[in-house]
């Protein structure tokens, strides 16, 4: 999958939507965030990731949101996007580079994948603020589900899951089993569903991804739950980043 091309395309879509505005438009599913907040946040993340890949060192670096407003903010974001794309284009995906997700591969490719999905999800946020919903490619959305499970769900604490549940994408055939890990508050992730589960959430890849990232509620999305719905509901109460 060409993650750099995804970043470039989705990032430019953010630029186009932000220039159309209004930047003050509220993001419906993230309390207290406007389109301007999303652009300021993601522009900071892009600069953070650029320096990590450029130096092959992520430790001690922090991302800081942009402080500009109006067109100056959009221009600042576009400049950072260009630098990110240039740096990532020249980078070796197999080069050694640490990251924040224990157990994930310590290579540059982690950052390419992470920034592709970060940029795409925030493009959806900006579009939602503008009243526009551009679809995700189903294959990319399926990769996004796998990425959120392995990068965040597996490694973050304070997860709520009492028994195995299954996740399935009806349009692409993706399957995962989430199970309670030995360490309380952690979740084990396995690709495929080959054992008994208490509940299964399934639907199109895009709708499933948006539910997992809490961009859509269970009752808003085109998904179905077989088995114990409360098990899925409690699992989705776990932490997730904007």
C-alpha atoms as a PDB file:
ATOM      1  CA  UNK A   1       0.000   0.000   0.000  1.00  0.00           C
ATOM      2  CA  UNK A   2       1.396   3.412  -1.003  1.00  0.00           C
ATOM      3  CA  UNK A   3       1.066   5.208   2.322  1.00  0.00           C
ATOM      4  CA  UNK A   4       2.968   8.294   1.188  1.00  0.00           C
ATOM      5  CA  UNK A   5       0.563   8.818  -1.703  1.00  0.00           C
ATOM      6  CA  UNK A   6      -2.345   8.474   0.724  1.00  0.00           C
ATOM      7  CA  UNK A   7      -0.822  11.124   3.010  1.00  0.00           C
ATOM      8  CA  UNK A   8      -0.295  13.484   0.098  1.00  0.00           C
ATOM      9  CA  UNK A   9      -3.789  13.017  -1.330  1.00  0.00           C
ATOM     10  CA  UNK A  10      -5.660  13.151   1.962  1.00  0.00           C
ATOM     11  CA  UNK A  11      -3.542  16.036   3.240  1.00  0.00           C
ATOM     12  CA  UNK A  12      -4.270  18.089   0.141  1.00  0.00           C
ATOM     13  CA  UNK A  13      -7.949  17.330   0.577  1.00  0.00           C
ATOM     14  CA  UNK A  14      -7.701  18.837   4.075  1.00  0.00           C
ATOM     15  CA  UNK A  15      -6.078  21.941   2.588  1.00  0.00           C
ATOM     16  CA  UNK A  16      -8.891  22.291   0.043  1.00  0.00           C
ATOM     17  CA  UNK A  17     -11.639  21.836   2.641  1.00  0.00           C
ATOM     18  CA  UNK A  18      -9.967  24.190   5.119  1.00  0.00           C
ATOM     19  CA  UNK A  19      -9.583  26.926   2.504  1.00  0.00           C
ATOM     20  CA  UNK A  20     -13.279  26.591   1.739  1.00  0.00           C
ATOM     21  CA  UNK A  21     -14.015  26.653   5.473  1.00  0.00           C
ATOM     22  CA  UNK A  22     -15.351  27.958   7.634  1.00  0.00           C
ATOM     23  CA  UNK A  23     -12.492  27.107   9.974  1.00  0.00           C
ATOM     24  CA  UNK A  24     -14.790  27.816  12.925  1.00  0.00           C
ATOM     25  CA  UNK A  25     -17.134  24.972  11.908  1.00  0.00           C
ATOM     26  CA  UNK A  26     -17.550  22.422  14.709  1.00  0.00           C
ATOM     27  CA  UNK A  27     -16.465  18.802  14.363  1.00  0.00           C
ATOM     28  CA  UNK A  28     -19.700  17.004  15.307  1.00  0.00           C
ATOM     29  CA  UNK A  29     -18.185  13.968  17.044  1.00  0.00           C
ATOM     30  CA  UNK A  30     -15.264  15.581  18.945  1.00  0.00           C
ATOM     31  CA  UNK A  31     -16.464  17.922  21.709  1.00  0.00           C
ATOM     32  CA  UNK A  32     -14.973  21.427  21.661  1.00  0.00           C
ATOM     33  CA  UNK A  33     -13.070  20.862  18.421  1.00  0.00           C
ATOM     34  CA  UNK A  34     -13.470  22.956  15.294  1.00  0.00           C
ATOM     35  CA  UNK A  35     -12.038  22.489  11.822  1.00  0.00           C
ATOM     36  CA  UNK A  36      -9.281  24.899  12.858  1.00  0.00           C
ATOM     37  CA  UNK A  37      -8.394  22.692  15.845  1.00  0.00           C
ATOM     38  CA  UNK A  38      -8.033  19.651  13.598  1.00  0.00           C
ATOM     39  CA  UNK A  39      -5.760  21.469  11.154  1.00  0.00           C
ATOM     40  CA  UNK A  40      -3.623  22.905  13.978  1.00  0.00           C
ATOM     41  CA  UNK A  41      -3.331  19.486  15.655  1.00  0.00           C
ATOM     42  CA  UNK A  42      -2.513  17.504  12.523  1.00  0.00           C
ATOM     43  CA  UNK A  43      -0.019  20.088  11.294  1.00  0.00           C
ATOM     44  CA  UNK A  44       1.870  19.642  14.549  1.00  0.00           C
ATOM     45  CA  UNK A  45       1.739  15.858  14.272  1.00  0.00           C
ATOM     46  CA  UNK A  46       3.088  16.038  10.714  1.00  0.00           C
ATOM     47  CA  UNK A  47       6.087  18.115  11.823  1.00  0.00           C
ATOM     48  CA  UNK A  48       6.683  15.728  14.733  1.00  0.00           C
ATOM     49  CA  UNK A  49       6.643  12.665  12.468  1.00  0.00           C
ATOM     50  CA  UNK A  50       8.847  14.389   9.891  1.00  0.00           C
ATOM     51  CA  UNK A  51      11.589  14.972  12.459  1.00  0.00           C
ATOM     52  CA  UNK A  52      11.299  11.434  13.820  1.00  0.00           C
ATOM     53  CA  UNK A  53      11.787   9.872  10.401  1.00  0.00           C
ATOM     54  CA  UNK A  54      14.449  12.397   9.396  1.00  0.00           C
ATOM     55  CA  UNK A  55      16.527  11.671  12.519  1.00  0.00           C
ATOM     56  CA  UNK A  56      15.413   8.035  13.018  1.00  0.00           C
ATOM     57  CA  UNK A  57      14.794   8.883  16.670  1.00  0.00           C
ATOM     58  CA  UNK A  58      11.410   9.404  18.296  1.00  0.00           C
ATOM     59  CA  UNK A  59      12.452   9.688  21.952  1.00  0.00           C
ATOM     60  CA  UNK A  60      11.974  13.013  23.663  1.00  0.00           C
ATOM     61  CA  UNK A  61      10.051  14.575  20.788  1.00  0.00           C
ATOM     62  CA  UNK A  62       6.643  16.156  21.277  1.00  0.00           C
ATOM     63  CA  UNK A  63       4.141  17.451  18.765  1.00  0.00           C
ATOM     64  CA  UNK A  64       2.838  20.967  19.246  1.00  0.00           C
ATOM     65  CA  UNK A  65      -0.241  22.279  17.511  1.00  0.00           C
ATOM     66  CA  UNK A  66      -0.082  25.294  15.259  1.00  0.00           C
ATOM     67  CA  UNK A  67      -0.847  28.719  16.668  1.00  0.00           C
ATOM     68  CA  UNK A  68      -1.677  30.515  13.428  1.00  0.00           C
ATOM     69  CA  UNK A  69      -5.245  31.278  12.402  1.00  0.00           C
ATOM     70  CA  UNK A  70      -7.115  31.690   9.142  1.00  0.00           C
ATOM     71  CA  UNK A  71      -5.207  31.387   5.877  1.00  0.00           C
ATOM     72  CA  UNK A  72      -1.889  31.536   7.723  1.00  0.00           C
ATOM     73  CA  UNK A  73      -2.810  28.298   9.501  1.00  0.00           C
ATOM     74  CA  UNK A  74      -3.744  26.577   6.247  1.00  0.00           C
ATOM     75  CA  UNK A  75      -0.494  27.715   4.614  1.00  0.00           C
ATOM     76  CA  UNK A  76       1.471  26.486   7.659  1.00  0.00           C
ATOM     77  CA  UNK A  77      -0.262  23.121   7.438  1.00  0.00           C
ATOM     78  CA  UNK A  78       0.382  22.833   3.695  1.00  0.00           C
ATOM     79  CA  UNK A  79       4.075  23.596   4.192  1.00  0.00           C
ATOM     80  CA  UNK A  80       4.373  20.891   6.851  1.00  0.00           C
ATOM     81  CA  UNK A  81       2.518  18.426   4.660  1.00  0.00           C
ATOM     82  CA  UNK A  82       4.974  19.022   1.827  1.00  0.00           C
ATOM     83  CA  UNK A  83       7.958  18.498   4.121  1.00  0.00           C
ATOM     84  CA  UNK A  84       6.436  15.291   5.480  1.00  0.00           C
ATOM     85  CA  UNK A  85       5.789  13.889   2.011  1.00  0.00           C
ATOM     86  CA  UNK A  86       9.312  14.790   0.837  1.00  0.00           C
ATOM     87  CA  UNK A  87      10.915  13.193   3.911  1.00  0.00           C
ATOM     88  CA  UNK A  88       8.792  10.058   3.757  1.00  0.00           C
ATOM     89  CA  UNK A  89       9.371   9.660   0.012  1.00  0.00           C
ATOM     90  CA  UNK A  90      13.125   9.541   0.550  1.00  0.00           C
ATOM     91  CA  UNK A  91      12.975   7.319   3.655  1.00  0.00           C
ATOM     92  CA  UNK A  92      13.729   3.608   3.774  1.00  0.00           C
ATOM     93  CA  UNK A  93      10.657   1.880   5.300  1.00  0.00           C
ATOM     94  CA  UNK A  94      12.932  -0.844   6.717  1.00  0.00           C
ATOM     95  CA  UNK A  95      15.299   1.561   8.487  1.00  0.00           C
ATOM     96  CA  UNK A  96      15.373   1.156  12.274  1.00  0.00           C
ATOM     97  CA  UNK A  97      13.272   3.699  14.159  1.00  0.00           C
ATOM     98  CA  UNK A  98      11.472   3.390  17.483  1.00  0.00           C
ATOM     99  CA  UNK A  99       7.874   4.320  18.204  1.00  0.00           C
ATOM    100  CA  UNK A 100       5.310   4.695  20.988  1.00  0.00           C
ATOM    101  CA  UNK A 101       3.557   1.339  20.508  1.00  0.00           C
ATOM    102  CA  UNK A 102       5.191  -1.503  22.516  1.00  0.00           C
ATOM    103  CA  UNK A 103       5.436  -4.617  20.369  1.00  0.00           C
ATOM    104  CA  UNK A 104       5.045  -2.799  17.049  1.00  0.00           C
ATOM    105  CA  UNK A 105       7.872  -3.035  14.488  1.00  0.00           C
ATOM    106  CA  UNK A 106      10.633  -0.515  15.234  1.00  0.00           C
ATOM    107  CA  UNK A 107      11.020   0.596  11.636  1.00  0.00           C
ATOM    108  CA  UNK A 108      10.229   3.707   9.600  1.00  0.00           C
ATOM    109  CA  UNK A 109       7.381   1.834   7.930  1.00  0.00           C
ATOM    110  CA  UNK A 110       5.443   2.088  11.202  1.00  0.00           C
ATOM    111  CA  UNK A 111       5.428   5.875  10.856  1.00  0.00           C
ATOM    112  CA  UNK A 112       4.399   5.821   7.203  1.00  0.00           C
ATOM    113  CA  UNK A 113       1.403   3.664   8.028  1.00  0.00           C
ATOM    114  CA  UNK A 114       0.506   5.623  11.172  1.00  0.00           C
ATOM    115  CA  UNK A 115       0.604   8.992   9.422  1.00  0.00           C
ATOM    116  CA  UNK A 116      -1.437   7.714   6.491  1.00  0.00           C
ATOM    117  CA  UNK A 117      -4.231   6.679   8.838  1.00  0.00           C
ATOM    118  CA  UNK A 118      -3.830   9.730  11.087  1.00  0.00           C
ATOM    119  CA  UNK A 119      -4.150  12.041   8.093  1.00  0.00           C
ATOM    120  CA  UNK A 120      -7.073  10.130   6.592  1.00  0.00           C
ATOM    121  CA  UNK A 121      -9.099  10.080   9.805  1.00  0.00           C
ATOM    122  CA  UNK A 122      -8.561  13.797  10.341  1.00  0.00           C
ATOM    123  CA  UNK A 123      -9.554  14.420   6.720  1.00  0.00           C
ATOM    124  CA  UNK A 124     -12.824  12.761   7.674  1.00  0.00           C
ATOM    125  CA  UNK A 125     -13.074  15.103  10.676  1.00  0.00           C
ATOM    126  CA  UNK A 126     -12.527  18.198   8.558  1.00  0.00           C
ATOM    127  CA  UNK A 127     -15.059  16.909   6.046  1.00  0.00           C
ATOM    128  CA  UNK A 128     -17.591  16.270   8.785  1.00  0.00           C
ATOM    129  CA  UNK A 129     -17.181  19.851   9.984  1.00  0.00           C
ATOM    130  CA  UNK A 130     -17.733  21.054   6.419  1.00  0.00           C
ATOM    131  CA  UNK A 131     -20.743  18.792   5.882  1.00  0.00           C
ATOM    132  CA  UNK A 132     -18.873  16.638   3.367  1.00  0.00           C
ATOM    133  CA  UNK A 133     -18.328  12.885   3.647  1.00  0.00           C
ATOM    134  CA  UNK A 134     -15.712  11.493   1.279  1.00  0.00           C
ATOM    135  CA  UNK A 135     -15.534   7.697   1.437  1.00  0.00           C
ATOM    136  CA  UNK A 136     -12.521   5.626   2.409  1.00  0.00           C
ATOM    137  CA  UNK A 137     -11.249   2.983   0.030  1.00  0.00           C
ATOM    138  CA  UNK A 138     -12.469  -0.320   1.562  1.00  0.00           C
ATOM    139  CA  UNK A 139      -9.020  -1.935   1.406  1.00  0.00           C
ATOM    140  CA  UNK A 140      -7.448   1.073   3.099  1.00  0.00           C
ATOM    141  CA  UNK A 141     -10.184   1.111   5.747  1.00  0.00           C
ATOM    142  CA  UNK A 142      -9.500  -2.592   6.414  1.00  0.00           C
ATOM    143  CA  UNK A 143      -5.820  -1.819   6.868  1.00  0.00           C
ATOM    144  CA  UNK A 144      -6.883   0.979   9.215  1.00  0.00           C
ATOM    145  CA  UNK A 145      -8.827  -1.439  11.392  1.00  0.00           C
ATOM    146  CA  UNK A 146      -5.807  -3.707  11.639  1.00  0.00           C
ATOM    147  CA  UNK A 147      -3.614  -0.689  12.415  1.00  0.00           C
ATOM    148  CA  UNK A 148      -5.811   0.597  15.226  1.00  0.00           C
ATOM    149  CA  UNK A 149      -5.993  -2.868  16.791  1.00  0.00           C
ATOM    150  CA  UNK A 150      -2.249  -3.517  16.688  1.00  0.00           C
ATOM    151  CA  UNK A 151      -1.014   0.017  17.356  1.00  0.00           C
ATOM    152  CA  UNK A 152      -3.505   1.150  20.000  1.00  0.00           C
ATOM    153  CA  UNK A 153      -6.004  -1.476  21.181  1.00  0.00           C
ATOM    154  CA  UNK A 154      -3.374  -4.142  21.859  1.00  0.00           C
ATOM    155  CA  UNK A 155      -0.902  -1.925  23.703  1.00  0.00           C
ATOM    156  CA  UNK A 156      -3.066   0.511  25.669  1.00  0.00           C
ATOM    157  CA  UNK A 157      -4.243  -0.133  29.200  1.00  0.00           C
ATOM    158  CA  UNK A 158      -7.673   0.377  30.786  1.00  0.00           C
ATOM    159  CA  UNK A 159      -9.444  -1.669  28.129  1.00  0.00           C
ATOM    160  CA  UNK A 160     -12.755  -3.279  29.069  1.00  0.00           C
ATOM    161  CA  UNK A 161     -13.227  -6.783  27.677  1.00  0.00           C
ATOM    162  CA  UNK A 162     -14.396  -9.843  29.615  1.00  0.00           C
ATOM    163  CA  UNK A 163     -14.422 -12.453  26.829  1.00  0.00           C
ATOM    164  CA  UNK A 164     -13.391 -12.821  23.178  1.00  0.00           C
ATOM    165  CA  UNK A 165     -15.243 -10.823  20.532  1.00  0.00           C
ATOM    166  CA  UNK A 166     -14.959 -10.885  16.765  1.00  0.00           C
ATOM    167  CA  UNK A 167     -14.749  -8.079  14.217  1.00  0.00           C
ATOM    168  CA  UNK A 168     -15.494  -8.707  10.524  1.00  0.00           C
ATOM    169  CA  UNK A 169     -15.614  -6.511   7.429  1.00  0.00           C
ATOM    170  CA  UNK A 170     -18.324  -7.815   5.154  1.00  0.00           C
ATOM    171  CA  UNK A 171     -17.034  -6.070   2.022  1.00  0.00           C
ATOM    172  CA  UNK A 172     -13.359  -7.061   2.265  1.00  0.00           C
ATOM    173  CA  UNK A 173     -13.350 -10.242   4.356  1.00  0.00           C
ATOM    174  CA  UNK A 174     -11.158  -8.888   7.135  1.00  0.00           C
ATOM    175  CA  UNK A 175     -11.467 -10.728  10.473  1.00  0.00           C
ATOM    176  CA  UNK A 176      -9.984 -10.212  13.930  1.00  0.00           C
ATOM    177  CA  UNK A 177     -10.474 -11.734  17.371  1.00  0.00           C
ATOM    178  CA  UNK A 178      -9.996  -9.538  20.440  1.00  0.00           C
ATOM    179  CA  UNK A 179      -9.460 -11.343  23.735  1.00  0.00           C
ATOM    180  CA  UNK A 180      -8.632 -10.293  27.302  1.00  0.00           C
ATOM    181  CA  UNK A 181      -4.885 -10.468  27.871  1.00  0.00           C
ATOM    182  CA  UNK A 182      -3.250 -11.865  31.011  1.00  0.00           C
ATOM    183  CA  UNK A 183      -2.399  -8.340  32.122  1.00  0.00           C
ATOM    184  CA  UNK A 184      -5.594  -6.589  33.322  1.00  0.00           C
ATOM    185  CA  UNK A 185      -6.784  -3.846  31.031  1.00  0.00           C
ATOM    186  CA  UNK A 186      -4.902  -5.188  28.013  1.00  0.00           C
ATOM    187  CA  UNK A 187      -6.277  -6.901  24.920  1.00  0.00           C
ATOM    188  CA  UNK A 188      -4.726  -9.575  22.705  1.00  0.00           C
ATOM    189  CA  UNK A 189      -5.361  -9.256  18.977  1.00  0.00           C
ATOM    190  CA  UNK A 190      -5.439 -12.152  16.542  1.00  0.00           C
ATOM    191  CA  UNK A 191      -6.093 -11.949  12.820  1.00  0.00           C
ATOM    192  CA  UNK A 192      -8.998 -14.234  11.934  1.00  0.00           C
ATOM    193  CA  UNK A 193     -11.981 -15.642  13.829  1.00  0.00           C
ATOM    194  CA  UNK A 194     -11.440 -19.346  14.444  1.00  0.00           C
ATOM    195  CA  UNK A 195     -12.818 -19.907  17.925  1.00  0.00           C
ATOM    196  CA  UNK A 196     -15.912 -19.156  20.026  1.00  0.00           C
ATOM    197  CA  UNK A 197     -16.661 -15.471  20.638  1.00  0.00           C
ATOM    198  CA  UNK A 198     -19.296 -13.794  22.788  1.00  0.00           C
ATOM    199  CA  UNK A 199     -20.217 -11.249  20.121  1.00  0.00           C
ATOM    200  CA  UNK A 200     -19.303 -10.265  16.568  1.00  0.00           C
ATOM    201  CA  UNK A 201     -19.436  -6.759  15.125  1.00  0.00           C
ATOM    202  CA  UNK A 202     -19.583  -6.735  11.349  1.00  0.00           C
ATOM    203  CA  UNK A 203     -20.331  -4.382   8.491  1.00  0.00           C
ATOM    204  CA  UNK A 204     -18.556  -2.442   5.735  1.00  0.00           C
ATOM    205  CA  UNK A 205     -14.905  -1.659   6.459  1.00  0.00           C
ATOM    206  CA  UNK A 206     -15.429   2.105   6.445  1.00  0.00           C
ATOM    207  CA  UNK A 207     -18.315   2.008   8.906  1.00  0.00           C
ATOM    208  CA  UNK A 208     -16.428  -0.374  11.175  1.00  0.00           C
ATOM    209  CA  UNK A 209     -13.328   1.817  11.176  1.00  0.00           C
ATOM    210  CA  UNK A 210     -15.379   4.917  12.015  1.00  0.00           C
ATOM    211  CA  UNK A 211     -17.037   3.112  14.917  1.00  0.00           C
ATOM    212  CA  UNK A 212     -13.688   1.968  16.299  1.00  0.00           C
ATOM    213  CA  UNK A 213     -12.365   5.534  16.145  1.00  0.00           C
ATOM    214  CA  UNK A 214     -15.621   6.793  17.710  1.00  0.00           C
ATOM    215  CA  UNK A 215     -16.462   8.927  14.722  1.00  0.00           C
ATOM    216  CA  UNK A 216     -19.798   7.124  14.521  1.00  0.00           C
ATOM    217  CA  UNK A 217     -21.854   5.595  17.298  1.00  0.00           C
ATOM    218  CA  UNK A 218     -23.111   2.029  17.083  1.00  0.00           C
ATOM    219  CA  UNK A 219     -26.603   3.273  16.262  1.00  0.00           C
ATOM    220  CA  UNK A 220     -25.344   5.685  13.594  1.00  0.00           C
ATOM    221  CA  UNK A 221     -23.251   3.218  11.611  1.00  0.00           C
ATOM    222  CA  UNK A 222     -24.266   0.598   9.055  1.00  0.00           C
ATOM    223  CA  UNK A 223     -23.073  -2.292  11.205  1.00  0.00           C
ATOM    224  CA  UNK A 224     -24.627  -5.295  12.930  1.00  0.00           C
ATOM    225  CA  UNK A 225     -23.822  -7.053  16.188  1.00  0.00           C
ATOM    226  CA  UNK A 226     -24.439 -10.738  16.699  1.00  0.00           C
ATOM    227  CA  UNK A 227     -24.397 -12.077  20.246  1.00  0.00           C
ATOM    228  CA  UNK A 228     -23.916 -10.026  23.405  1.00  0.00           C
ATOM    229  CA  UNK A 229     -24.146  -6.389  22.298  1.00  0.00           C
ATOM    230  CA  UNK A 230     -23.138  -5.143  25.740  1.00  0.00           C
ATOM    231  CA  UNK A 231     -19.745  -6.829  25.302  1.00  0.00           C
ATOM    232  CA  UNK A 232     -19.061  -4.701  22.222  1.00  0.00           C
ATOM    233  CA  UNK A 233     -20.385  -1.572  23.910  1.00  0.00           C
ATOM    234  CA  UNK A 234     -18.049  -1.999  26.876  1.00  0.00           C
ATOM    235  CA  UNK A 235     -15.082  -2.687  24.624  1.00  0.00           C
ATOM    236  CA  UNK A 236     -15.719   0.572  22.783  1.00  0.00           C
ATOM    237  CA  UNK A 237     -15.589   2.562  26.012  1.00  0.00           C
ATOM    238  CA  UNK A 238     -11.805   2.142  26.045  1.00  0.00           C
ATOM    239  CA  UNK A 239      -9.506   5.101  25.364  1.00  0.00           C
ATOM    240  CA  UNK A 240      -9.033   6.479  21.871  1.00  0.00           C
ATOM    241  CA  UNK A 241      -7.224   9.581  20.659  1.00  0.00           C
ATOM    242  CA  UNK A 242      -8.758  12.420  18.642  1.00  0.00           C
END
